[in-house]
Amino acid sequence: MDYTVRVHTAIDDVDERWDDLMTAARAPVFYRRPFLRAFEKHPLHPVLRTAYLLVEDGSGRAHAALPAYLQRDVDPMRVIAEHYPHAAGRTALLSHAWHCYDTVLPVRPGPGSRSAAGRAVTGLRDLASAWDAGLCGIVNADAASPLDAQLTEAGFSGVDIDVGWGLTLDQYTGFDDYLTRALSRKARHNLRHDLREAERAGVGVRTADVGDADLDGFVRLARASAAKFGNADYYRPGLFQDFVRELGDCVHAVELRVEDRMIASALTLTDDTRLHYWAVGYAQKDTPGYSPFYVSYAHVMREAWASGRDWVELGRRNPSFKRRYGLQPRVLRAYFAER
């Protein structure tokens, strides 16, 4: 089948074919229109140019797609600095945004899917050349996915950059079954202990939609938590709140309070099949006897089973905790081609 690659520079210039393709491909929330529109309006990191590559057949039906961002000196996870230091200062055309830890190549299932994926990859390289990007790539992709072979065959070099973590939900009947069967005795005891102590301390828990969530409180806590790793500006005040508000119904906050003081806030994102534990901020002190981080984790996991989704995604970093709590790892890889 012959395919054409069309490049759009705004998500709202692409009609409903984008949404239909993302549903057919079971693409993560990061590829859905609300997230892409939010990133256009309130980019969480600097972007020079934005593109949406749509692979169409002769009738105009969409078979594959990629968002891509031209950027310079944007490397919050230090991927380019550590693996391509000679490319520092050069422009890079990358898919997806750095705040996405679940990069895929959405393809419509069925005959011709591999060919459509190949045209999307070729289109990305062609666009990088047209925009004079020194580096072209796809970052935070599952190393075990079919994308690995496709990108390697297309001349991209793969490097392991991180580990993503998640859990298949339907292997357990619910949160209590997960505690019993997935966790060691010590991990189970510690989590139940923190939940009891938080209840004794009068910690209240609520799930709020984006219109009712305390996003300023979230940013304050998240920046303090991220500062320990030198990455507070991952949550830029004002910009981050505006971005989250733009997400609409796909985002919720799980908030923990003692009286009027918020001690933790976790943001979750949902798509057709997954609940994403996307971000969390929590108090660093004044919570004797329990950890707001652990209590937040427990309540988000309860939300995951209640959501009816197949998978809960917990992103990157903090491997010791995630391994201890029975989460499943997958290697995340970046694929680069240079001009």
C-alpha atoms as a PDB file:
ATOM      1  CA  MET A   1       0.000   0.000   0.000  1.00  0.00           C
ATOM      2  CA  ASP A   2       1.236   3.509  -0.814  1.00  0.00           C
ATOM      3  CA  TYR A   3       1.348   5.966   2.075  1.00  0.00           C
ATOM      4  CA  THR A   4       1.750   9.723   2.244  1.00  0.00           C
ATOM      5  CA  VAL A   5       3.203  11.584   5.242  1.00  0.00           C
ATOM      6  CA  ARG A   6       1.543  14.884   6.013  1.00  0.00           C
ATOM      7  CA  VAL A   7       3.012  17.284   8.561  1.00  0.00           C
ATOM      8  CA  HIS A   8       0.773  19.518  10.659  1.00  0.00           C
ATOM      9  CA  THR A   9       2.063  22.127  13.079  1.00  0.00           C
ATOM     10  CA  ALA A  10      -0.945  22.343  15.432  1.00  0.00           C
ATOM     11  CA  ILE A  11      -2.984  19.463  16.808  1.00  0.00           C
ATOM     12  CA  ASP A  12      -6.241  21.268  16.062  1.00  0.00           C
ATOM     13  CA  ASP A  13      -5.231  21.408  12.393  1.00  0.00           C
ATOM     14  CA  VAL A  14      -5.603  17.614  12.399  1.00  0.00           C
ATOM     15  CA  ASP A  15      -9.185  16.425  12.214  1.00  0.00           C
ATOM     16  CA  GLU A  16     -10.848  13.529  14.024  1.00  0.00           C
ATOM     17  CA  ARG A  17      -8.705  11.026  12.125  1.00  0.00           C
ATOM     18  CA  TRP A  18      -6.019  11.596  14.768  1.00  0.00           C
ATOM     19  CA  ASP A  19      -8.410  10.641  17.566  1.00  0.00           C
ATOM     20  CA  ASP A  20      -9.721   7.619  15.677  1.00  0.00           C
ATOM     21  CA  LEU A  21      -6.169   6.375  15.098  1.00  0.00           C
ATOM     22  CA  MET A  22      -5.156   6.825  18.744  1.00  0.00           C
ATOM     23  CA  THR A  23      -8.176   4.832  19.882  1.00  0.00           C
ATOM     24  CA  ALA A  24      -7.480   2.053  17.363  1.00  0.00           C
ATOM     25  CA  ALA A  25      -3.801   1.955  18.393  1.00  0.00           C
ATOM     26  CA  ARG A  26      -4.660   2.025  22.133  1.00  0.00           C
ATOM     27  CA  ALA A  27      -2.165   4.870  22.435  1.00  0.00           C
ATOM     28  CA  PRO A  28      -1.294   6.283  25.867  1.00  0.00           C
ATOM     29  CA  VAL A  29      -2.795   9.511  27.168  1.00  0.00           C
ATOM     30  CA  PHE A  30       0.312  11.406  26.012  1.00  0.00           C
ATOM     31  CA  TYR A  31      -0.877  10.985  22.401  1.00  0.00           C
ATOM     32  CA  ARG A  32      -4.440  12.082  22.972  1.00  0.00           C
ATOM     33  CA  ARG A  33      -5.630  15.506  21.898  1.00  0.00           C
ATOM     34  CA  PRO A  34      -6.011  17.038  25.410  1.00  0.00           C
ATOM     35  CA  PHE A  35      -2.373  16.323  26.328  1.00  0.00           C
ATOM     36  CA  LEU A  36      -1.009  17.500  22.981  1.00  0.00           C
ATOM     37  CA  ARG A  37      -3.121  20.660  23.034  1.00  0.00           C
ATOM     38  CA  ALA A  38      -2.033  21.381  26.612  1.00  0.00           C
ATOM     39  CA  PHE A  39       1.622  21.002  25.654  1.00  0.00           C
ATOM     40  CA  GLU A  40       1.160  23.351  22.701  1.00  0.00           C
ATOM     41  CA  LYS A  41      -0.466  26.044  24.821  1.00  0.00           C
ATOM     42  CA  HIS A  42       1.712  25.592  27.898  1.00  0.00           C
ATOM     43  CA  PRO A  43       4.942  23.799  26.876  1.00  0.00           C
ATOM     44  CA  LEU A  44       6.519  22.239  29.941  1.00  0.00           C
ATOM     45  CA  HIS A  45       9.916  22.630  28.322  1.00  0.00           C
ATOM     46  CA  PRO A  46      11.069  25.018  25.572  1.00  0.00           C
ATOM     47  CA  VAL A  47      10.136  24.039  22.025  1.00  0.00           C
ATOM     48  CA  LEU A  48      11.297  25.734  18.826  1.00  0.00           C
ATOM     49  CA  ARG A  49       8.820  24.046  16.474  1.00  0.00           C
ATOM     50  CA  THR A  50       6.093  21.413  16.771  1.00  0.00           C
ATOM     51  CA  ALA A  51       5.002  18.790  14.243  1.00  0.00           C
ATOM     52  CA  TYR A  52       2.372  16.090  13.991  1.00  0.00           C
ATOM     53  CA  LEU A  53       3.230  13.517  11.340  1.00  0.00           C
ATOM     54  CA  LEU A  54       0.227  11.679   9.952  1.00  0.00           C
ATOM     55  CA  VAL A  55       0.675   8.682   7.639  1.00  0.00           C
ATOM     56  CA  GLU A  56      -2.302   8.371   5.283  1.00  0.00           C
ATOM     57  CA  ASP A  57      -3.371   5.945   2.591  1.00  0.00           C
ATOM     58  CA  GLY A  58      -4.812   6.984  -0.773  1.00  0.00           C
ATOM     59  CA  SER A  59      -8.288   7.456   0.686  1.00  0.00           C
ATOM     60  CA  GLY A  60      -6.988   9.726   3.453  1.00  0.00           C
ATOM     61  CA  ARG A  61      -7.348   7.187   6.249  1.00  0.00           C
ATOM     62  CA  ALA A  62      -4.694   7.593   8.964  1.00  0.00           C
ATOM     63  CA  HIS A  63      -2.518   4.538   9.659  1.00  0.00           C
ATOM     64  CA  ALA A  64       0.340   5.885  11.811  1.00  0.00           C
ATOM     65  CA  ALA A  65       1.329   9.113  13.537  1.00  0.00           C
ATOM     66  CA  LEU A  66       4.021  10.796  15.604  1.00  0.00           C
ATOM     67  CA  PRO A  67       4.206  14.071  17.508  1.00  0.00           C
ATOM     68  CA  ALA A  68       7.666  15.658  17.319  1.00  0.00           C
ATOM     69  CA  TYR A  69       9.341  18.664  18.892  1.00  0.00           C
ATOM     70  CA  LEU A  70      12.315  20.661  17.650  1.00  0.00           C
ATOM     71  CA  GLN A  71      14.352  21.788  20.640  1.00  0.00           C
ATOM     72  CA  ARG A  72      17.750  23.003  21.696  1.00  0.00           C
ATOM     73  CA  ASP A  73      19.535  22.539  25.045  1.00  0.00           C
ATOM     74  CA  VAL A  74      16.545  20.690  26.544  1.00  0.00           C
ATOM     75  CA  ASP A  75      17.727  17.585  28.369  1.00  0.00           C
ATOM     76  CA  PRO A  76      16.068  17.293  31.810  1.00  0.00           C
ATOM     77  CA  MET A  77      16.873  13.582  32.139  1.00  0.00           C
ATOM     78  CA  ARG A  78      20.473  14.143  30.918  1.00  0.00           C
ATOM     79  CA  VAL A  79      20.023  11.605  28.139  1.00  0.00           C
ATOM     80  CA  ILE A  80      21.805  13.613  25.440  1.00  0.00           C
ATOM     81  CA  ALA A  81      24.480  14.839  27.862  1.00  0.00           C
ATOM     82  CA  GLU A  82      25.374  11.302  28.894  1.00  0.00           C
ATOM     83  CA  HIS A  83      25.051   9.479  25.572  1.00  0.00           C
ATOM     84  CA  TYR A  84      25.545  12.155  22.887  1.00  0.00           C
ATOM     85  CA  PRO A  85      27.584  14.904  24.582  1.00  0.00           C
ATOM     86  CA  HIS A  86      28.992  16.064  21.238  1.00  0.00           C
ATOM     87  CA  ALA A  87      25.413  16.970  20.218  1.00  0.00           C
ATOM     88  CA  ALA A  88      25.007  19.488  23.035  1.00  0.00           C
ATOM     89  CA  GLY A  89      23.987  22.860  21.674  1.00  0.00           C
ATOM     90  CA  ARG A  90      22.654  21.419  18.415  1.00  0.00           C
ATOM     91  CA  THR A  91      18.967  21.302  17.617  1.00  0.00           C
ATOM     92  CA  ALA A  92      17.171  17.988  18.085  1.00  0.00           C
ATOM     93  CA  LEU A  93      13.860  16.765  16.656  1.00  0.00           C
ATOM     94  CA  LEU A  94      12.510  14.316  19.214  1.00  0.00           C
ATOM     95  CA  SER A  95       9.400  12.303  19.891  1.00  0.00           C
ATOM     96  CA  HIS A  96       7.851  12.482  22.451  1.00  0.00           C
ATOM     97  CA  ALA A  97       8.093  15.394  24.927  1.00  0.00           C
ATOM     98  CA  TRP A  98      10.378  14.683  27.882  1.00  0.00           C
ATOM     99  CA  HIS A  99       7.407  14.578  30.270  1.00  0.00           C
ATOM    100  CA  CYS A 100       6.216  11.445  28.441  1.00  0.00           C
ATOM    101  CA  TYR A 101       7.774   8.243  29.801  1.00  0.00           C
ATOM    102  CA  ASP A 102       5.742   5.959  27.526  1.00  0.00           C
ATOM    103  CA  THR A 103       6.791   6.734  23.961  1.00  0.00           C
ATOM    104  CA  VAL A 104       5.230   4.579  21.252  1.00  0.00           C
ATOM    105  CA  LEU A 105       4.593   4.783  17.527  1.00  0.00           C
ATOM    106  CA  PRO A 106       0.798   4.647  17.206  1.00  0.00           C
ATOM    107  CA  VAL A 107      -0.109   2.373  14.302  1.00  0.00           C
ATOM    108  CA  ARG A 108      -3.480   1.093  13.159  1.00  0.00           C
ATOM    109  CA  PRO A 109      -3.567  -2.704  13.602  1.00  0.00           C
ATOM    110  CA  GLY A 110      -3.917  -4.837  10.506  1.00  0.00           C
ATOM    111  CA  PRO A 111      -2.221  -5.464   7.158  1.00  0.00           C
ATOM    112  CA  GLY A 112       0.266  -2.787   6.271  1.00  0.00           C
ATOM    113  CA  SER A 113       0.907  -1.673   9.834  1.00  0.00           C
ATOM    114  CA  ARG A 114       4.648  -2.319   9.639  1.00  0.00           C
ATOM    115  CA  SER A 115       4.907  -0.413   6.370  1.00  0.00           C
ATOM    116  CA  ALA A 116       2.961   2.512   7.845  1.00  0.00           C
ATOM    117  CA  ALA A 117       5.266   2.573  10.861  1.00  0.00           C
ATOM    118  CA  GLY A 118       8.262   2.620   8.548  1.00  0.00           C
ATOM    119  CA  ARG A 119       6.863   5.616   6.676  1.00  0.00           C
ATOM    120  CA  ALA A 120       6.396   7.476   9.955  1.00  0.00           C
ATOM    121  CA  VAL A 121      10.039   6.854  10.893  1.00  0.00           C
ATOM    122  CA  THR A 122      11.212   7.954   7.445  1.00  0.00           C
ATOM    123  CA  GLY A 123       9.010  11.021   7.737  1.00  0.00           C
ATOM    124  CA  LEU A 124      10.602  11.929  11.050  1.00  0.00           C
ATOM    125  CA  ARG A 125      14.096  11.773   9.530  1.00  0.00           C
ATOM    126  CA  ASP A 126      12.984  13.762   6.481  1.00  0.00           C
ATOM    127  CA  LEU A 127      11.512  16.452   8.699  1.00  0.00           C
ATOM    128  CA  ALA A 128      14.689  16.601  10.787  1.00  0.00           C
ATOM    129  CA  SER A 129      16.621  17.246   7.591  1.00  0.00           C
ATOM    130  CA  ALA A 130      14.156  19.891   6.408  1.00  0.00           C
ATOM    131  CA  TRP A 131      14.346  21.654   9.774  1.00  0.00           C
ATOM    132  CA  ASP A 132      18.147  21.342   9.910  1.00  0.00           C
ATOM    133  CA  ALA A 133      18.108  19.353  13.158  1.00  0.00           C
ATOM    134  CA  GLY A 134      21.478  17.925  14.156  1.00  0.00           C
ATOM    135  CA  LEU A 135      19.880  15.060  16.071  1.00  0.00           C
ATOM    136  CA  CYS A 136      16.705  13.099  15.383  1.00  0.00           C
ATOM    137  CA  GLY A 137      15.222  10.522  17.680  1.00  0.00           C
ATOM    138  CA  ILE A 138      12.601   8.753  19.709  1.00  0.00           C
ATOM    139  CA  VAL A 139      13.101   8.694  23.478  1.00  0.00           C
ATOM    140  CA  ASN A 140      11.596   6.684  26.358  1.00  0.00           C
ATOM    141  CA  ALA A 141      10.445   3.762  24.196  1.00  0.00           C
ATOM    142  CA  ASP A 142      10.042   0.218  25.527  1.00  0.00           C
ATOM    143  CA  ALA A 143      13.163  -1.677  24.433  1.00  0.00           C
ATOM    144  CA  ALA A 144      11.132  -4.891  24.093  1.00  0.00           C
ATOM    145  CA  SER A 145       8.576  -3.415  21.691  1.00  0.00           C
ATOM    146  CA  PRO A 146       8.550  -3.981  17.903  1.00  0.00           C
ATOM    147  CA  LEU A 147       9.701  -0.372  17.568  1.00  0.00           C
ATOM    148  CA  ASP A 148      13.205  -1.474  18.552  1.00  0.00           C
ATOM    149  CA  ALA A 149      13.715  -3.537  15.373  1.00  0.00           C
ATOM    150  CA  GLN A 150      12.040  -0.939  13.174  1.00  0.00           C
ATOM    151  CA  LEU A 151      14.261   1.893  14.397  1.00  0.00           C
ATOM    152  CA  THR A 152      17.420  -0.212  14.322  1.00  0.00           C
ATOM    153  CA  GLU A 153      16.706  -1.215  10.716  1.00  0.00           C
ATOM    154  CA  ALA A 154      16.123   2.454   9.879  1.00  0.00           C
ATOM    155  CA  GLY A 155      19.608   3.340  11.094  1.00  0.00           C
ATOM    156  CA  PHE A 156      18.840   4.678  14.555  1.00  0.00           C
ATOM    157  CA  SER A 157      21.250   3.801  17.377  1.00  0.00           C
ATOM    158  CA  GLY A 158      19.560   2.617  20.570  1.00  0.00           C
ATOM    159  CA  VAL A 159      20.841   3.332  24.083  1.00  0.00           C
ATOM    160  CA  ASP A 160      19.276   2.232  27.352  1.00  0.00           C
ATOM    161  CA  ILE A 161      18.415   5.336  29.354  1.00  0.00           C
ATOM    162  CA  ASP A 162      16.078   4.350  32.175  1.00  0.00           C
ATOM    163  CA  VAL A 163      13.592   1.817  33.508  1.00  0.00           C
ATOM    164  CA  GLY A 164       9.822   2.219  33.494  1.00  0.00           C
ATOM    165  CA  TRP A 165       7.558   0.494  36.011  1.00  0.00           C
ATOM    166  CA  GLY A 166       3.959  -0.650  36.048  1.00  0.00           C
ATOM    167  CA  LEU A 167       1.600  -3.439  37.024  1.00  0.00           C
ATOM    168  CA  THR A 168      -0.954  -5.612  35.239  1.00  0.00           C
ATOM    169  CA  LEU A 169      -4.065  -5.055  37.339  1.00  0.00           C
ATOM    170  CA  ASP A 170      -6.221  -8.016  36.361  1.00  0.00           C
ATOM    171  CA  GLN A 171      -3.778 -10.513  37.867  1.00  0.00           C
ATOM    172  CA  TYR A 172      -5.159  -9.438  41.266  1.00  0.00           C
ATOM    173  CA  THR A 173      -8.737  -9.067  42.438  1.00  0.00           C
ATOM    174  CA  GLY A 174      -7.983  -5.710  44.031  1.00  0.00           C
ATOM    175  CA  PHE A 175      -5.674  -3.751  46.289  1.00  0.00           C
ATOM    176  CA  ASP A 176      -5.888  -6.161  49.255  1.00  0.00           C
ATOM    177  CA  ASP A 177      -5.156  -9.163  47.039  1.00  0.00           C
ATOM    178  CA  TYR A 178      -2.158  -7.285  45.617  1.00  0.00           C
ATOM    179  CA  LEU A 179      -0.850  -6.624  49.144  1.00  0.00           C
ATOM    180  CA  THR A 180      -1.221 -10.277  50.067  1.00  0.00           C
ATOM    181  CA  ARG A 181       0.241 -11.913  46.969  1.00  0.00           C
ATOM    182  CA  ALA A 182       2.681  -9.418  45.436  1.00  0.00           C
ATOM    183  CA  LEU A 183       4.459  -7.996  48.484  1.00  0.00           C
ATOM    184  CA  SER A 184       6.908  -9.464  50.929  1.00  0.00           C
ATOM    185  CA  ARG A 185       5.779  -9.720  54.534  1.00  0.00           C
ATOM    186  CA  LYS A 186       7.905  -6.714  55.514  1.00  0.00           C
ATOM    187  CA  ALA A 187       6.700  -4.483  52.653  1.00  0.00           C
ATOM    188  CA  ARG A 188       3.078  -5.423  53.339  1.00  0.00           C
ATOM    189  CA  HIS A 189       3.511  -4.729  57.069  1.00  0.00           C
ATOM    190  CA  ASN A 190       5.130  -1.340  56.440  1.00  0.00           C
ATOM    191  CA  LEU A 191       2.428  -0.144  54.063  1.00  0.00           C
ATOM    192  CA  ARG A 192      -0.403  -1.254  56.335  1.00  0.00           C
ATOM    193  CA  HIS A 193       1.374   0.353  59.296  1.00  0.00           C
ATOM    194  CA  ASP A 194       1.592   3.712  57.489  1.00  0.00           C
ATOM    195  CA  LEU A 195      -2.074   3.541  56.489  1.00  0.00           C
ATOM    196  CA  ARG A 196      -3.114   2.873  60.103  1.00  0.00           C
ATOM    197  CA  GLU A 197      -0.915   5.652  61.485  1.00  0.00           C
ATOM    198  CA  ALA A 198      -2.201   8.114  58.926  1.00  0.00           C
ATOM    199  CA  GLU A 199      -5.773   7.263  59.858  1.00  0.00           C
ATOM    200  CA  ARG A 200      -4.960   7.756  63.551  1.00  0.00           C
ATOM    201  CA  ALA A 201      -3.401  11.124  62.716  1.00  0.00           C
ATOM    202  CA  GLY A 202      -6.638  12.219  61.057  1.00  0.00           C
ATOM    203  CA  VAL A 203      -5.358  12.243  57.493  1.00  0.00           C
ATOM    204  CA  GLY A 204      -8.212  12.833  55.093  1.00  0.00           C
ATOM    205  CA  VAL A 205      -8.123  11.606  51.488  1.00  0.00           C
ATOM    206  CA  ARG A 206     -10.086  12.918  48.543  1.00  0.00           C
ATOM    207  CA  THR A 207      -9.977  12.540  44.771  1.00  0.00           C
ATOM    208  CA  ALA A 208     -10.530  15.852  43.016  1.00  0.00           C
ATOM    209  CA  ASP A 209     -11.121  16.689  39.383  1.00  0.00           C
ATOM    210  CA  VAL A 210      -9.013  19.355  37.741  1.00  0.00           C
ATOM    211  CA  GLY A 211     -11.478  22.143  38.520  1.00  0.00           C
ATOM    212  CA  ASP A 212     -11.435  21.410  42.238  1.00  0.00           C
ATOM    213  CA  ALA A 213      -7.845  20.278  42.804  1.00  0.00           C
ATOM    214  CA  ASP A 214      -5.356  22.393  44.743  1.00  0.00           C
ATOM    215  CA  LEU A 215      -2.800  22.643  41.961  1.00  0.00           C
ATOM    216  CA  ASP A 216      -0.817  25.396  43.656  1.00  0.00           C
ATOM    217  CA  GLY A 217      -0.444  23.113  46.656  1.00  0.00           C
ATOM    218  CA  PHE A 218       0.639  20.282  44.389  1.00  0.00           C
ATOM    219  CA  VAL A 219       3.348  22.386  42.732  1.00  0.00           C
ATOM    220  CA  ARG A 220       4.645  23.588  46.097  1.00  0.00           C
ATOM    221  CA  LEU A 221       4.983  20.029  47.383  1.00  0.00           C
ATOM    222  CA  ALA A 222       6.258  18.593  44.099  1.00  0.00           C
ATOM    223  CA  ARG A 223       8.984  21.212  43.770  1.00  0.00           C
ATOM    224  CA  ALA A 224      10.162  20.503  47.304  1.00  0.00           C
ATOM    225  CA  SER A 225      10.251  16.759  46.588  1.00  0.00           C
ATOM    226  CA  ALA A 226      12.044  17.218  43.244  1.00  0.00           C
ATOM    227  CA  ALA A 227      14.569  19.645  44.747  1.00  0.00           C
ATOM    228  CA  LYS A 228      16.232  16.685  46.480  1.00  0.00           C
ATOM    229  CA  PHE A 229      17.231  15.496  43.005  1.00  0.00           C
ATOM    230  CA  GLY A 230      18.081  18.952  41.650  1.00  0.00           C
ATOM    231  CA  ASN A 231      15.025  18.928  39.363  1.00  0.00           C
ATOM    232  CA  ALA A 232      12.514  21.320  40.934  1.00  0.00           C
ATOM    233  CA  ASP A 233      11.949  23.143  37.640  1.00  0.00           C
ATOM    234  CA  TYR A 234      10.343  20.024  36.217  1.00  0.00           C
ATOM    235  CA  TYR A 235       7.323  21.677  37.906  1.00  0.00           C
ATOM    236  CA  ARG A 236       7.545  25.344  36.908  1.00  0.00           C
ATOM    237  CA  PRO A 237       5.123  27.480  38.964  1.00  0.00           C
ATOM    238  CA  GLY A 238       2.230  28.868  36.980  1.00  0.00           C
ATOM    239  CA  LEU A 239       3.105  27.037  33.794  1.00  0.00           C
ATOM    240  CA  PHE A 240       2.563  23.598  35.303  1.00  0.00           C
ATOM    241  CA  GLN A 241      -0.810  24.515  36.800  1.00  0.00           C
ATOM    242  CA  ASP A 242      -1.978  25.974  33.490  1.00  0.00           C
ATOM    243  CA  PHE A 243      -0.865  22.841  31.677  1.00  0.00           C
ATOM    244  CA  VAL A 244      -2.723  20.522  34.053  1.00  0.00           C
ATOM    245  CA  ARG A 245      -5.930  22.565  33.859  1.00  0.00           C
ATOM    246  CA  GLU A 246      -5.853  22.218  30.071  1.00  0.00           C
ATOM    247  CA  LEU A 247      -5.889  18.403  30.400  1.00  0.00           C
ATOM    248  CA  GLY A 248      -9.502  18.421  31.530  1.00  0.00           C
ATOM    249  CA  ASP A 249     -11.258  15.187  32.418  1.00  0.00           C
ATOM    250  CA  CYS A 250      -8.267  12.880  31.946  1.00  0.00           C
ATOM    251  CA  VAL A 251      -6.461  14.179  35.066  1.00  0.00           C
ATOM    252  CA  HIS A 252      -7.357  13.824  38.753  1.00  0.00           C
ATOM    253  CA  ALA A 253      -5.604  14.644  42.008  1.00  0.00           C
ATOM    254  CA  VAL A 254      -5.489  12.324  45.015  1.00  0.00           C
ATOM    255  CA  GLU A 255      -4.959  14.722  47.925  1.00  0.00           C
ATOM    256  CA  LEU A 256      -4.024  13.981  51.535  1.00  0.00           C
ATOM    257  CA  ARG A 257      -4.724  16.552  54.256  1.00  0.00           C
ATOM    258  CA  VAL A 258      -4.375  16.921  57.990  1.00  0.00           C
ATOM    259  CA  GLU A 259      -7.007  19.481  58.907  1.00  0.00           C
ATOM    260  CA  ASP A 260      -6.394  22.328  56.430  1.00  0.00           C
ATOM    261  CA  ARG A 261      -2.808  21.394  55.562  1.00  0.00           C
ATOM    262  CA  MET A 262      -2.159  19.376  52.411  1.00  0.00           C
ATOM    263  CA  ILE A 263       0.628  16.879  53.058  1.00  0.00           C
ATOM    264  CA  ALA A 264       0.595  15.049  49.723  1.00  0.00           C
ATOM    265  CA  SER A 265      -0.902  15.310  46.270  1.00  0.00           C
ATOM    266  CA  ALA A 266      -0.652  12.779  43.437  1.00  0.00           C
ATOM    267  CA  LEU A 267      -1.755  13.477  39.876  1.00  0.00           C
ATOM    268  CA  THR A 268      -3.192  10.611  37.848  1.00  0.00           C
ATOM    269  CA  LEU A 269      -3.883  10.479  34.119  1.00  0.00           C
ATOM    270  CA  THR A 270      -6.203   8.019  32.393  1.00  0.00           C
ATOM    271  CA  ASP A 271      -6.617   6.686  28.884  1.00  0.00           C
ATOM    272  CA  ASP A 272      -8.600   3.739  27.521  1.00  0.00           C
ATOM    273  CA  THR A 273      -6.509   1.026  29.155  1.00  0.00           C
ATOM    274  CA  ARG A 274      -4.205   2.631  31.738  1.00  0.00           C
ATOM    275  CA  LEU A 275      -4.163   4.695  34.865  1.00  0.00           C
ATOM    276  CA  HIS A 276      -0.912   6.659  35.084  1.00  0.00           C
ATOM    277  CA  TYR A 277       0.505   7.635  38.471  1.00  0.00           C
ATOM    278  CA  TRP A 278       2.045  10.648  36.759  1.00  0.00           C
ATOM    279  CA  ALA A 279       3.441  12.877  39.495  1.00  0.00           C
ATOM    280  CA  VAL A 280       3.491  13.299  43.269  1.00  0.00           C
ATOM    281  CA  GLY A 281       4.541  15.873  45.825  1.00  0.00           C
ATOM    282  CA  TYR A 282       4.609  15.248  49.547  1.00  0.00           C
ATOM    283  CA  ALA A 283       5.614  16.875  52.828  1.00  0.00           C
ATOM    284  CA  GLN A 284       9.191  16.250  53.862  1.00  0.00           C
ATOM    285  CA  LYS A 285       8.595  16.535  57.631  1.00  0.00           C
ATOM    286  CA  ASP A 286       5.965  16.954  60.381  1.00  0.00           C
ATOM    287  CA  THR A 287       4.242  13.633  59.653  1.00  0.00           C
ATOM    288  CA  PRO A 288       5.463  11.470  62.565  1.00  0.00           C
ATOM    289  CA  GLY A 289       4.770   7.758  62.368  1.00  0.00           C
ATOM    290  CA  TYR A 290       3.941   7.500  58.646  1.00  0.00           C
ATOM    291  CA  SER A 291       5.169   8.557  55.212  1.00  0.00           C
ATOM    292  CA  PRO A 292       2.816  10.684  53.072  1.00  0.00           C
ATOM    293  CA  PHE A 293       4.564   9.222  50.023  1.00  0.00           C
ATOM    294  CA  TYR A 294       3.660   5.646  50.989  1.00  0.00           C
ATOM    295  CA  VAL A 295       0.122   6.594  51.964  1.00  0.00           C
ATOM    296  CA  SER A 296      -0.350   8.376  48.623  1.00  0.00           C
ATOM    297  CA  TYR A 297       0.932   5.315  46.806  1.00  0.00           C
ATOM    298  CA  ALA A 298      -1.609   3.076  48.544  1.00  0.00           C
ATOM    299  CA  HIS A 299      -4.532   5.335  47.689  1.00  0.00           C
ATOM    300  CA  VAL A 300      -3.493   5.756  44.054  1.00  0.00           C
ATOM    301  CA  MET A 301      -3.246   1.988  43.704  1.00  0.00           C
ATOM    302  CA  ARG A 302      -6.758   1.669  45.102  1.00  0.00           C
ATOM    303  CA  GLU A 303      -7.877   4.199  42.490  1.00  0.00           C
ATOM    304  CA  ALA A 304      -6.195   2.086  39.806  1.00  0.00           C
ATOM    305  CA  TRP A 305      -8.321  -0.973  40.527  1.00  0.00           C
ATOM    306  CA  ALA A 306     -11.444   1.146  40.952  1.00  0.00           C
ATOM    307  CA  SER A 307     -10.852   2.695  37.503  1.00  0.00           C
ATOM    308  CA  GLY A 308     -11.380  -0.634  35.730  1.00  0.00           C
ATOM    309  CA  ARG A 309      -8.213  -0.173  33.654  1.00  0.00           C
ATOM    310  CA  ASP A 310      -5.895  -3.028  32.677  1.00  0.00           C
ATOM    311  CA  TRP A 311      -2.604  -1.485  33.711  1.00  0.00           C
ATOM    312  CA  VAL A 312      -1.264   1.041  36.216  1.00  0.00           C
ATOM    313  CA  GLU A 313       1.793   2.948  34.998  1.00  0.00           C
ATOM    314  CA  LEU A 314       4.242   4.457  37.481  1.00  0.00           C
ATOM    315  CA  GLY A 315       6.857   5.944  35.169  1.00  0.00           C
ATOM    316  CA  ARG A 316      10.582   6.218  35.796  1.00  0.00           C
ATOM    317  CA  ARG A 317      12.969   6.417  38.738  1.00  0.00           C
ATOM    318  CA  ASN A 318      12.838   5.233  42.384  1.00  0.00           C
ATOM    319  CA  PRO A 319      13.650   1.607  41.440  1.00  0.00           C
ATOM    320  CA  SER A 320      14.251   0.345  44.993  1.00  0.00           C
ATOM    321  CA  PHE A 321      10.747   1.288  46.099  1.00  0.00           C
ATOM    322  CA  LYS A 322       9.094   0.013  42.929  1.00  0.00           C
ATOM    323  CA  ARG A 323      10.896  -3.304  43.011  1.00  0.00           C
ATOM    324  CA  ARG A 324      10.028  -3.746  46.679  1.00  0.00           C
ATOM    325  CA  TYR A 325       6.364  -3.164  45.934  1.00  0.00           C
ATOM    326  CA  GLY A 326       6.096  -5.778  43.209  1.00  0.00           C
ATOM    327  CA  LEU A 327       6.030  -3.544  40.141  1.00  0.00           C
ATOM    328  CA  GLN A 328       7.118  -4.843  36.750  1.00  0.00           C
ATOM    329  CA  PRO A 329      10.178  -3.218  35.106  1.00  0.00           C
ATOM    330  CA  ARG A 330      10.775  -2.521  31.437  1.00  0.00           C
ATOM    331  CA  VAL A 331      13.883  -1.014  29.908  1.00  0.00           C
ATOM    332  CA  LEU A 332      13.364   2.384  28.297  1.00  0.00           C
ATOM    333  CA  ARG A 333      15.545   3.170  25.322  1.00  0.00           C
ATOM    334  CA  ALA A 334      16.375   6.257  23.274  1.00  0.00           C
ATOM    335  CA  TYR A 335      17.039   5.959  19.552  1.00  0.00           C
ATOM    336  CA  PHE A 336      19.089   8.632  17.810  1.00  0.00           C
ATOM    337  CA  ALA A 337      20.205   9.362  14.273  1.00  0.00           C
ATOM    338  CA  GLU A 338      22.614  12.183  13.504  1.00  0.00           C
ATOM    339  CA  ARG A 339      22.889  14.369  10.447  1.00  0.00           C
END
